[in-house]
Amino acid sequence: NARAQATEAMRRAEVEEAARAEWQRFWGSGASYTPAS
């Protein structure tokens, strides 16, 4: 049971890290669009 819980926690952490990385790719540097001529 402890092994299963640790495996699930590891899987959850991996999913959260992947989601954070995806959000960072989507959000980029955080600088908003600046119009240019």
PDB file of all heavy atoms in Angstrom:
ATOM      1  N   ASN A   1       0.825  -1.197   0.000  1.00  0.00           N
ATOM      2  CA  ASN A   1       0.000   0.000   0.000  1.00  0.00           C
ATOM      3  C   ASN A   1       0.867   1.259   0.000  1.00  0.00           C
ATOM      4  O   ASN A   1       0.592   2.213  -0.734  1.00  0.00           O
ATOM      5  CB  ASN A   1      -0.938  -0.006   1.206  1.00  0.00           C
ATOM      6  CG  ASN A   1      -1.996   1.052   1.107  1.00  0.00           C
ATOM      7  OD1 ASN A   1      -2.495   1.347   0.038  1.00  0.00           O
ATOM      8  ND2 ASN A   1      -2.349   1.643   2.238  1.00  0.00           N
ATOM      9  N   ALA A   2       1.923   1.265   0.799  1.00  0.00           N
ATOM     10  CA  ALA A   2       2.823   2.415   0.829  1.00  0.00           C
ATOM     11  C   ALA A   2       3.502   2.614  -0.522  1.00  0.00           C
ATOM     12  O   ALA A   2       3.651   3.745  -0.993  1.00  0.00           O
ATOM     13  CB  ALA A   2       3.872   2.230   1.927  1.00  0.00           C
ATOM     14  N   ARG A   3       3.875   1.525  -1.154  1.00  0.00           N
ATOM     15  CA  ARG A   3       4.504   1.604  -2.484  1.00  0.00           C
ATOM     16  C   ARG A   3       3.521   2.179  -3.502  1.00  0.00           C
ATOM     17  O   ARG A   3       3.880   3.021  -4.327  1.00  0.00           O
ATOM     18  CB  ARG A   3       4.972   0.223  -2.912  1.00  0.00           C
ATOM     19  CG  ARG A   3       5.658   0.199  -4.246  1.00  0.00           C
ATOM     20  CD  ARG A   3       6.217  -1.187  -4.554  1.00  0.00           C
ATOM     21  NE  ARG A   3       6.693  -1.225  -5.910  1.00  0.00           N
ATOM     22  CZ  ARG A   3       6.411  -2.189  -6.767  1.00  0.00           C
ATOM     23  NH1 ARG A   3       5.710  -3.223  -6.389  1.00  0.00           N
ATOM     24  NH2 ARG A   3       6.885  -2.159  -7.993  1.00  0.00           N
ATOM     25  N   ALA A   4       2.266   1.730  -3.421  1.00  0.00           N
ATOM     26  CA  ALA A   4       1.244   2.240  -4.342  1.00  0.00           C
ATOM     27  C   ALA A   4       1.008   3.733  -4.114  1.00  0.00           C
ATOM     28  O   ALA A   4       0.876   4.503  -5.070  1.00  0.00           O
ATOM     29  CB  ALA A   4      -0.056   1.459  -4.171  1.00  0.00           C
ATOM     30  N   GLN A   5       0.973   4.155  -2.865  1.00  0.00           N
ATOM     31  CA  GLN A   5       0.780   5.573  -2.569  1.00  0.00           C
ATOM     32  C   GLN A   5       1.958   6.403  -3.063  1.00  0.00           C
ATOM     33  O   GLN A   5       1.760   7.489  -3.620  1.00  0.00           O
ATOM     34  CB  GLN A   5       0.582   5.777  -1.067  1.00  0.00           C
ATOM     35  CG  GLN A   5      -0.764   5.305  -0.566  1.00  0.00           C
ATOM     36  CD  GLN A   5      -0.911   5.439   0.942  1.00  0.00           C
ATOM     37  OE1 GLN A   5       0.040   5.751   1.644  1.00  0.00           O
ATOM     38  NE2 GLN A   5      -2.108   5.187   1.440  1.00  0.00           N
ATOM     39  N   ALA A   6       3.166   5.907  -2.869  1.00  0.00           N
ATOM     40  CA  ALA A   6       4.349   6.625  -3.345  1.00  0.00           C
ATOM     41  C   ALA A   6       4.361   6.714  -4.869  1.00  0.00           C
ATOM     42  O   ALA A   6       4.696   7.760  -5.436  1.00  0.00           O
ATOM     43  CB  ALA A   6       5.617   5.935  -2.843  1.00  0.00           C
ATOM     44  N   THR A   7       3.977   5.633  -5.522  1.00  0.00           N
ATOM     45  CA  THR A   7       3.920   5.633  -6.989  1.00  0.00           C
ATOM     46  C   THR A   7       2.887   6.634  -7.486  1.00  0.00           C
ATOM     47  O   THR A   7       3.132   7.369  -8.441  1.00  0.00           O
ATOM     48  CB  THR A   7       3.588   4.218  -7.508  1.00  0.00           C
ATOM     49  OG1 THR A   7       4.598   3.317  -7.049  1.00  0.00           O
ATOM     50  CG2 THR A   7       3.520   4.183  -9.027  1.00  0.00           C
ATOM     51  N   GLU A   8       1.733   6.680  -6.827  1.00  0.00           N
ATOM     52  CA  GLU A   8       0.685   7.622  -7.214  1.00  0.00           C
ATOM     53  C   GLU A   8       1.138   9.063  -6.970  1.00  0.00           C
ATOM     54  O   GLU A   8       0.897   9.940  -7.802  1.00  0.00           O
ATOM     55  CB  GLU A   8      -0.606   7.337  -6.442  1.00  0.00           C
ATOM     56  CG  GLU A   8      -1.727   8.302  -6.723  1.00  0.00           C
ATOM     57  CD  GLU A   8      -2.162   8.383  -8.184  1.00  0.00           C
ATOM     58  OE1 GLU A   8      -1.857   7.467  -8.975  1.00  0.00           O
ATOM     59  OE2 GLU A   8      -2.818   9.371  -8.547  1.00  0.00           O
ATOM     60  N   ALA A   9       1.810   9.311  -5.862  1.00  0.00           N
ATOM     61  CA  ALA A   9       2.317  10.654  -5.579  1.00  0.00           C
ATOM     62  C   ALA A   9       3.344  11.075  -6.629  1.00  0.00           C
ATOM     63  O   ALA A   9       3.350  12.224  -7.086  1.00  0.00           O
ATOM     64  CB  ALA A   9       2.919  10.708  -4.179  1.00  0.00           C
ATOM     65  N   MET A  10       4.201  10.142  -7.030  1.00  0.00           N
ATOM     66  CA  MET A  10       5.200  10.422  -8.059  1.00  0.00           C
ATOM     67  C   MET A  10       4.514  10.728  -9.393  1.00  0.00           C
ATOM     68  O   MET A  10       4.886  11.664 -10.091  1.00  0.00           O
ATOM     69  CB  MET A  10       6.142   9.225  -8.206  1.00  0.00           C
ATOM     70  CG  MET A  10       7.273   9.440  -9.169  1.00  0.00           C
ATOM     71  SD  MET A  10       8.454   8.064  -9.211  1.00  0.00           S
ATOM     72  CE  MET A  10       7.401   6.656  -9.469  1.00  0.00           C
ATOM     73  N   ARG A  11       3.496   9.939  -9.729  1.00  0.00           N
ATOM     74  CA  ARG A  11       2.770  10.166 -10.977  1.00  0.00           C
ATOM     75  C   ARG A  11       2.073  11.533 -10.957  1.00  0.00           C
ATOM     76  O   ARG A  11       2.121  12.289 -11.923  1.00  0.00           O
ATOM     77  CB  ARG A  11       1.744   9.053 -11.203  1.00  0.00           C
ATOM     78  CG  ARG A  11       1.063   9.135 -12.577  1.00  0.00           C
ATOM     79  CD  ARG A  11      -0.234   8.358 -12.617  1.00  0.00           C
ATOM     80  NE  ARG A  11      -1.213   8.860 -11.692  1.00  0.00           N
ATOM     81  CZ  ARG A  11      -1.972   9.942 -11.905  1.00  0.00           C
ATOM     82  NH1 ARG A  11      -1.832  10.650 -12.999  1.00  0.00           N
ATOM     83  NH2 ARG A  11      -2.860  10.327 -11.015  1.00  0.00           N
ATOM     84  N   ARG A  12       1.463  11.870  -9.820  1.00  0.00           N
ATOM     85  CA  ARG A  12       0.780  13.152  -9.684  1.00  0.00           C
ATOM     86  C   ARG A  12       1.770  14.311  -9.824  1.00  0.00           C
ATOM     87  O   ARG A  12       1.476  15.303 -10.499  1.00  0.00           O
ATOM     88  CB  ARG A  12       0.082  13.217  -8.320  1.00  0.00           C
ATOM     89  CG  ARG A  12      -1.362  13.581  -8.401  1.00  0.00           C
ATOM     90  CD  ARG A  12      -2.081  13.747  -7.073  1.00  0.00           C
ATOM     91  NE  ARG A  12      -1.373  13.392  -5.867  1.00  0.00           N
ATOM     92  CZ  ARG A  12      -1.542  12.268  -5.196  1.00  0.00           C
ATOM     93  NH1 ARG A  12      -2.396  11.362  -5.622  1.00  0.00           N
ATOM     94  NH2 ARG A  12      -0.862  12.034  -4.093  1.00  0.00           N
ATOM     95  N   ALA A  13       2.932  14.180  -9.187  1.00  0.00           N
ATOM     96  CA  ALA A  13       3.950  15.230  -9.290  1.00  0.00           C
ATOM     97  C   ALA A  13       4.424  15.385 -10.725  1.00  0.00           C
ATOM     98  O   ALA A  13       4.646  16.516 -11.192  1.00  0.00           O
ATOM     99  CB  ALA A  13       5.125  14.904  -8.372  1.00  0.00           C
ATOM    100  N   GLU A  14       4.561  14.281 -11.420  1.00  0.00           N
ATOM    101  CA  GLU A  14       4.988  14.332 -12.819  1.00  0.00           C
ATOM    102  C   GLU A  14       3.941  15.044 -13.680  1.00  0.00           C
ATOM    103  O   GLU A  14       4.275  15.872 -14.530  1.00  0.00           O
ATOM    104  CB  GLU A  14       5.227  12.917 -13.331  1.00  0.00           C
ATOM    105  CG  GLU A  14       5.797  12.863 -14.728  1.00  0.00           C
ATOM    106  CD  GLU A  14       6.057  11.429 -15.149  1.00  0.00           C
ATOM    107  OE1 GLU A  14       5.087  10.732 -15.475  1.00  0.00           O
ATOM    108  OE2 GLU A  14       7.220  11.027 -15.137  1.00  0.00           O
ATOM    109  N   VAL A  15       2.672  14.740 -13.450  1.00  0.00           N
ATOM    110  CA  VAL A  15       1.583  15.383 -14.204  1.00  0.00           C
ATOM    111  C   VAL A  15       1.554  16.880 -13.906  1.00  0.00           C
ATOM    112  O   VAL A  15       1.397  17.699 -14.818  1.00  0.00           O
ATOM    113  CB  VAL A  15       0.228  14.713 -13.865  1.00  0.00           C
ATOM    114  CG1 VAL A  15      -0.933  15.536 -14.365  1.00  0.00           C
ATOM    115  CG2 VAL A  15       0.171  13.311 -14.435  1.00  0.00           C
ATOM    116  N   GLU A  16       1.719  17.243 -12.629  1.00  0.00           N
ATOM    117  CA  GLU A  16       1.722  18.659 -12.265  1.00  0.00           C
ATOM    118  C   GLU A  16       2.893  19.394 -12.900  1.00  0.00           C
ATOM    119  O   GLU A  16       2.745  20.526 -13.367  1.00  0.00           O
ATOM    120  CB  GLU A  16       1.755  18.806 -10.741  1.00  0.00           C
ATOM    121  CG  GLU A  16       0.450  18.414 -10.080  1.00  0.00           C
ATOM    122  CD  GLU A  16       0.543  18.365  -8.565  1.00  0.00           C
ATOM    123  OE1 GLU A  16       1.587  18.769  -7.993  1.00  0.00           O
ATOM    124  OE2 GLU A  16      -0.441  17.909  -7.943  1.00  0.00           O
ATOM    125  N   GLU A  17       4.053  18.773 -12.929  1.00  0.00           N
ATOM    126  CA  GLU A  17       5.220  19.402 -13.546  1.00  0.00           C
ATOM    127  C   GLU A  17       5.008  19.566 -15.051  1.00  0.00           C
ATOM    128  O   GLU A  17       5.359  20.604 -15.629  1.00  0.00           O
ATOM    129  CB  GLU A  17       6.482  18.580 -13.272  1.00  0.00           C
ATOM    130  CG  GLU A  17       7.730  19.105 -13.951  1.00  0.00           C
ATOM    131  CD  GLU A  17       8.082  20.536 -13.560  1.00  0.00           C
ATOM    132  OE1 GLU A  17       7.708  20.987 -12.465  1.00  0.00           O
ATOM    133  OE2 GLU A  17       8.729  21.210 -14.383  1.00  0.00           O
ATOM    134  N   ALA A  18       4.429  18.557 -15.682  1.00  0.00           N
ATOM    135  CA  ALA A  18       4.142  18.666 -17.124  1.00  0.00           C
ATOM    136  C   ALA A  18       3.134  19.780 -17.383  1.00  0.00           C
ATOM    137  O   ALA A  18       3.280  20.539 -18.355  1.00  0.00           O
ATOM    138  CB  ALA A  18       3.623  17.329 -17.649  1.00  0.00           C
ATOM    139  N   ALA A  19       2.134  19.911 -16.531  1.00  0.00           N
ATOM    140  CA  ALA A  19       1.143  20.972 -16.691  1.00  0.00           C
ATOM    141  C   ALA A  19       1.783  22.348 -16.490  1.00  0.00           C
ATOM    142  O   ALA A  19       1.490  23.301 -17.218  1.00  0.00           O
ATOM    143  CB  ALA A  19      -0.001  20.769 -15.698  1.00  0.00           C
ATOM    144  N   ARG A  20       2.682  22.447 -15.495  1.00  0.00           N
ATOM    145  CA  ARG A  20       3.372  23.710 -15.258  1.00  0.00           C
ATOM    146  C   ARG A  20       4.238  24.093 -16.460  1.00  0.00           C
ATOM    147  O   ARG A  20       4.248  25.244 -16.905  1.00  0.00           O
ATOM    148  CB  ARG A  20       4.246  23.616 -14.008  1.00  0.00           C
ATOM    149  CG  ARG A  20       4.834  24.977 -13.583  1.00  0.00           C
ATOM    150  CD  ARG A  20       5.987  24.836 -12.618  1.00  0.00           C
ATOM    151  NE  ARG A  20       7.128  24.114 -13.164  1.00  0.00           N
ATOM    152  CZ  ARG A  20       7.955  24.566 -14.108  1.00  0.00           C
ATOM    153  NH1 ARG A  20       7.762  25.748 -14.649  1.00  0.00           N
ATOM    154  NH2 ARG A  20       8.961  23.849 -14.532  1.00  0.00           N
ATOM    155  N   ALA A  21       4.939  23.111 -17.019  1.00  0.00           N
ATOM    156  CA  ALA A  21       5.789  23.367 -18.183  1.00  0.00           C
ATOM    157  C   ALA A  21       4.934  23.777 -19.382  1.00  0.00           C
ATOM    158  O   ALA A  21       5.301  24.692 -20.134  1.00  0.00           O
ATOM    159  CB  ALA A  21       6.626  22.128 -18.513  1.00  0.00           C
ATOM    160  N   GLU A  22       3.799  23.139 -19.548  1.00  0.00           N
ATOM    161  CA  GLU A  22       2.896  23.495 -20.658  1.00  0.00           C
ATOM    162  C   GLU A  22       2.361  24.914 -20.481  1.00  0.00           C
ATOM    163  O   GLU A  22       2.280  25.673 -21.435  1.00  0.00           O
ATOM    164  CB  GLU A  22       1.749  22.478 -20.727  1.00  0.00           C
ATOM    165  CG  GLU A  22       0.860  22.629 -21.931  1.00  0.00           C
ATOM    166  CD  GLU A  22       1.569  22.340 -23.240  1.00  0.00           C
ATOM    167  OE1 GLU A  22       2.501  21.534 -23.262  1.00  0.00           O
ATOM    168  OE2 GLU A  22       1.163  22.940 -24.260  1.00  0.00           O
ATOM    169  N   TRP A  23       2.003  25.265 -19.257  1.00  0.00           N
ATOM    170  CA  TRP A  23       1.524  26.624 -18.973  1.00  0.00           C
ATOM    171  C   TRP A  23       2.626  27.631 -19.278  1.00  0.00           C
ATOM    172  O   TRP A  23       2.360  28.671 -19.873  1.00  0.00           O
ATOM    173  CB  TRP A  23       1.072  26.722 -17.517  1.00  0.00           C
ATOM    174  CG  TRP A  23       0.718  28.128 -17.137  1.00  0.00           C
ATOM    175  CD1 TRP A  23       1.451  28.975 -16.360  1.00  0.00           C
ATOM    176  CD2 TRP A  23      -0.427  28.867 -17.558  1.00  0.00           C
ATOM    177  NE1 TRP A  23       0.827  30.182 -16.263  1.00  0.00           N
ATOM    178  CE2 TRP A  23      -0.336  30.154 -16.991  1.00  0.00           C
ATOM    179  CE3 TRP A  23      -1.515  28.565 -18.365  1.00  0.00           C
ATOM    180  CZ2 TRP A  23      -1.285  31.135 -17.197  1.00  0.00           C
ATOM    181  CZ3 TRP A  23      -2.477  29.550 -18.563  1.00  0.00           C
ATOM    182  CH2 TRP A  23      -2.366  30.803 -17.990  1.00  0.00           C
ATOM    183  N   GLN A  24       3.861  27.303 -18.902  1.00  0.00           N
ATOM    184  CA  GLN A  24       4.981  28.213 -19.154  1.00  0.00           C
ATOM    185  C   GLN A  24       5.192  28.389 -20.664  1.00  0.00           C
ATOM    186  O   GLN A  24       5.442  29.498 -21.109  1.00  0.00           O
ATOM    187  CB  GLN A  24       6.260  27.674 -18.504  1.00  0.00           C
ATOM    188  CG  GLN A  24       7.429  28.629 -18.567  1.00  0.00           C
ATOM    189  CD  GLN A  24       7.158  29.940 -17.835  1.00  0.00           C
ATOM    190  OE1 GLN A  24       6.558  29.948 -16.780  1.00  0.00           O
ATOM    191  NE2 GLN A  24       7.582  31.030 -18.403  1.00  0.00           N
ATOM    192  N   ARG A  25       5.078  27.328 -21.423  1.00  0.00           N
ATOM    193  CA  ARG A  25       5.206  27.434 -22.891  1.00  0.00           C
ATOM    194  C   ARG A  25       4.087  28.296 -23.463  1.00  0.00           C
ATOM    195  O   ARG A  25       4.296  29.090 -24.368  1.00  0.00           O
ATOM    196  CB  ARG A  25       5.179  26.056 -23.534  1.00  0.00           C
ATOM    197  CG  ARG A  25       6.501  25.348 -23.523  1.00  0.00           C
ATOM    198  CD  ARG A  25       6.521  24.126 -24.432  1.00  0.00           C
ATOM    199  NE  ARG A  25       5.600  23.084 -24.010  1.00  0.00           N
ATOM    200  CZ  ARG A  25       5.848  22.178 -23.067  1.00  0.00           C
ATOM    201  NH1 ARG A  25       7.012  22.185 -22.445  1.00  0.00           N
ATOM    202  NH2 ARG A  25       4.961  21.269 -22.743  1.00  0.00           N
ATOM    203  N   PHE A  26       2.868  28.130 -22.910  1.00  0.00           N
ATOM    204  CA  PHE A  26       1.722  28.910 -23.396  1.00  0.00           C
ATOM    205  C   PHE A  26       1.886  30.376 -23.014  1.00  0.00           C
ATOM    206  O   PHE A  26       1.673  31.265 -23.829  1.00  0.00           O
ATOM    207  CB  PHE A  26       0.426  28.348 -22.794  1.00  0.00           C
ATOM    208  CG  PHE A  26      -0.768  29.221 -23.021  1.00  0.00           C
ATOM    209  CD1 PHE A  26      -1.369  29.285 -24.261  1.00  0.00           C
ATOM    210  CD2 PHE A  26      -1.285  29.995 -21.987  1.00  0.00           C
ATOM    211  CE1 PHE A  26      -2.466  30.096 -24.464  1.00  0.00           C
ATOM    212  CE2 PHE A  26      -2.375  30.812 -22.185  1.00  0.00           C
ATOM    213  CZ  PHE A  26      -2.968  30.865 -23.427  1.00  0.00           C
ATOM    214  N   TRP A  27       2.264  30.638 -21.777  1.00  0.00           N
ATOM    215  CA  TRP A  27       2.345  31.997 -21.259  1.00  0.00           C
ATOM    216  C   TRP A  27       3.585  32.714 -21.782  1.00  0.00           C
ATOM    217  O   TRP A  27       3.579  33.920 -21.966  1.00  0.00           O
ATOM    218  CB  TRP A  27       2.346  31.958 -19.734  1.00  0.00           C
ATOM    219  CG  TRP A  27       2.252  33.312 -19.103  1.00  0.00           C
ATOM    220  CD1 TRP A  27       3.233  33.942 -18.420  1.00  0.00           C
ATOM    221  CD2 TRP A  27       1.142  34.188 -19.116  1.00  0.00           C
ATOM    222  NE1 TRP A  27       2.812  35.162 -17.986  1.00  0.00           N
ATOM    223  CE2 TRP A  27       1.513  35.346 -18.410  1.00  0.00           C
ATOM    224  CE3 TRP A  27      -0.121  34.132 -19.665  1.00  0.00           C
ATOM    225  CZ2 TRP A  27       0.659  36.421 -18.232  1.00  0.00           C
ATOM    226  CZ3 TRP A  27      -0.969  35.205 -19.478  1.00  0.00           C
ATOM    227  CH2 TRP A  27      -0.587  36.325 -18.773  1.00  0.00           C
ATOM    228  N   GLY A  28       4.625  31.948 -22.033  1.00  0.00           N
ATOM    229  CA  GLY A  28       5.856  32.540 -22.555  1.00  0.00           C
ATOM    230  C   GLY A  28       6.581  33.346 -21.505  1.00  0.00           C
ATOM    231  O   GLY A  28       6.597  33.008 -20.330  1.00  0.00           O
ATOM    232  N   SER A  29       7.134  34.482 -21.931  1.00  0.00           N
ATOM    233  CA  SER A  29       7.913  35.309 -21.010  1.00  0.00           C
ATOM    234  C   SER A  29       7.020  36.163 -20.131  1.00  0.00           C
ATOM    235  O   SER A  29       7.498  36.803 -19.211  1.00  0.00           O
ATOM    236  CB  SER A  29       8.867  36.201 -21.803  1.00  0.00           C
ATOM    237  OG  SER A  29       8.102  37.127 -22.568  1.00  0.00           O
ATOM    238  N   GLY A  30       5.756  36.232 -20.438  1.00  0.00           N
ATOM    239  CA  GLY A  30       4.839  37.058 -19.655  1.00  0.00           C
ATOM    240  C   GLY A  30       4.676  38.452 -20.245  1.00  0.00           C
ATOM    241  O   GLY A  30       3.840  39.222 -19.799  1.00  0.00           O
ATOM    242  N   ALA A  31       5.485  38.792 -21.235  1.00  0.00           N
ATOM    243  CA  ALA A  31       5.359  40.110 -21.864  1.00  0.00           C
ATOM    244  C   ALA A  31       4.157  40.093 -22.798  1.00  0.00           C
ATOM    245  O   ALA A  31       3.970  39.162 -23.576  1.00  0.00           O
ATOM    246  CB  ALA A  31       6.626  40.435 -22.650  1.00  0.00           C
ATOM    247  N   SER A  32       3.352  41.123 -22.673  1.00  0.00           N
ATOM    248  CA  SER A  32       2.162  41.161 -23.527  1.00  0.00           C
ATOM    249  C   SER A  32       2.541  41.641 -24.932  1.00  0.00           C
ATOM    250  O   SER A  32       3.633  42.138 -25.170  1.00  0.00           O
ATOM    251  CB  SER A  32       1.120  42.096 -22.913  1.00  0.00           C
ATOM    252  OG  SER A  32       1.646  43.402 -22.807  1.00  0.00           O
ATOM    253  N   TYR A  33       1.608  41.547 -25.825  1.00  0.00           N
ATOM    254  CA  TYR A  33       1.825  41.943 -27.219  1.00  0.00           C
ATOM    255  C   TYR A  33       2.044  43.448 -27.296  1.00  0.00           C
ATOM    256  O   TYR A  33       1.330  44.229 -26.676  1.00  0.00           O
ATOM    257  CB  TYR A  33       0.610  41.526 -28.046  1.00  0.00           C
ATOM    258  CG  TYR A  33       0.631  42.067 -29.444  1.00  0.00           C
ATOM    259  CD1 TYR A  33       1.480  41.528 -30.404  1.00  0.00           C
ATOM    260  CD2 TYR A  33      -0.189  43.123 -29.814  1.00  0.00           C
ATOM    261  CE1 TYR A  33       1.511  42.021 -31.681  1.00  0.00           C
ATOM    262  CE2 TYR A  33      -0.168  43.625 -31.082  1.00  0.00           C
ATOM    263  CZ  TYR A  33       0.688  43.080 -32.024  1.00  0.00           C
ATOM    264  OH  TYR A  33       0.717  43.569 -33.296  1.00  0.00           O
ATOM    265  N   THR A  34       3.042  43.846 -28.062  1.00  0.00           N
ATOM    266  CA  THR A  34       3.317  45.267 -28.289  1.00  0.00           C
ATOM    267  C   THR A  34       3.175  45.526 -29.782  1.00  0.00           C
ATOM    268  O   THR A  34       3.908  44.946 -30.590  1.00  0.00           O
ATOM    269  CB  THR A  34       4.748  45.623 -27.839  1.00  0.00           C
ATOM    270  OG1 THR A  34       4.920  45.203 -26.485  1.00  0.00           O
ATOM    271  CG2 THR A  34       5.004  47.109 -27.955  1.00  0.00           C
ATOM    272  N   PRO A  35       2.225  46.380 -30.134  1.00  0.00           N
ATOM    273  CA  PRO A  35       2.042  46.647 -31.570  1.00  0.00           C
ATOM    274  C   PRO A  35       3.248  47.384 -32.157  1.00  0.00           C
ATOM    275  O   PRO A  35       3.916  48.148 -31.465  1.00  0.00           O
ATOM    276  CB  PRO A  35       0.786  47.522 -31.639  1.00  0.00           C
ATOM    277  CG  PRO A  35       0.613  48.068 -30.262  1.00  0.00           C
ATOM    278  CD  PRO A  35       1.311  47.150 -29.308  1.00  0.00           C
ATOM    279  N   ALA A  36       3.504  47.126 -33.402  1.00  0.00           N
ATOM    280  CA  ALA A  36       4.612  47.815 -34.101  1.00  0.00           C
ATOM    281  C   ALA A  36       4.138  48.198 -35.488  1.00  0.00           C
ATOM    282  O   ALA A  36       3.277  47.545 -36.073  1.00  0.00           O
ATOM    283  CB  ALA A  36       5.806  46.867 -34.184  1.00  0.00           C
ATOM    284  N   SER A  37       4.709  49.271 -36.003  1.00  0.00           N
ATOM    285  CA  SER A  37       4.369  49.721 -37.343  1.00  0.00           C
ATOM    286  C   SER A  37       4.928  48.758 -38.374  1.00  0.00           C
ATOM    287  O   SER A  37       6.036  48.252 -38.207  1.00  0.00           O
ATOM    288  CB  SER A  37       4.933  51.109 -37.608  1.00  0.00           C
ATOM    289  OG  SER A  37       4.397  52.030 -36.693  1.00  0.00           O
TER     290      SER A  37
END
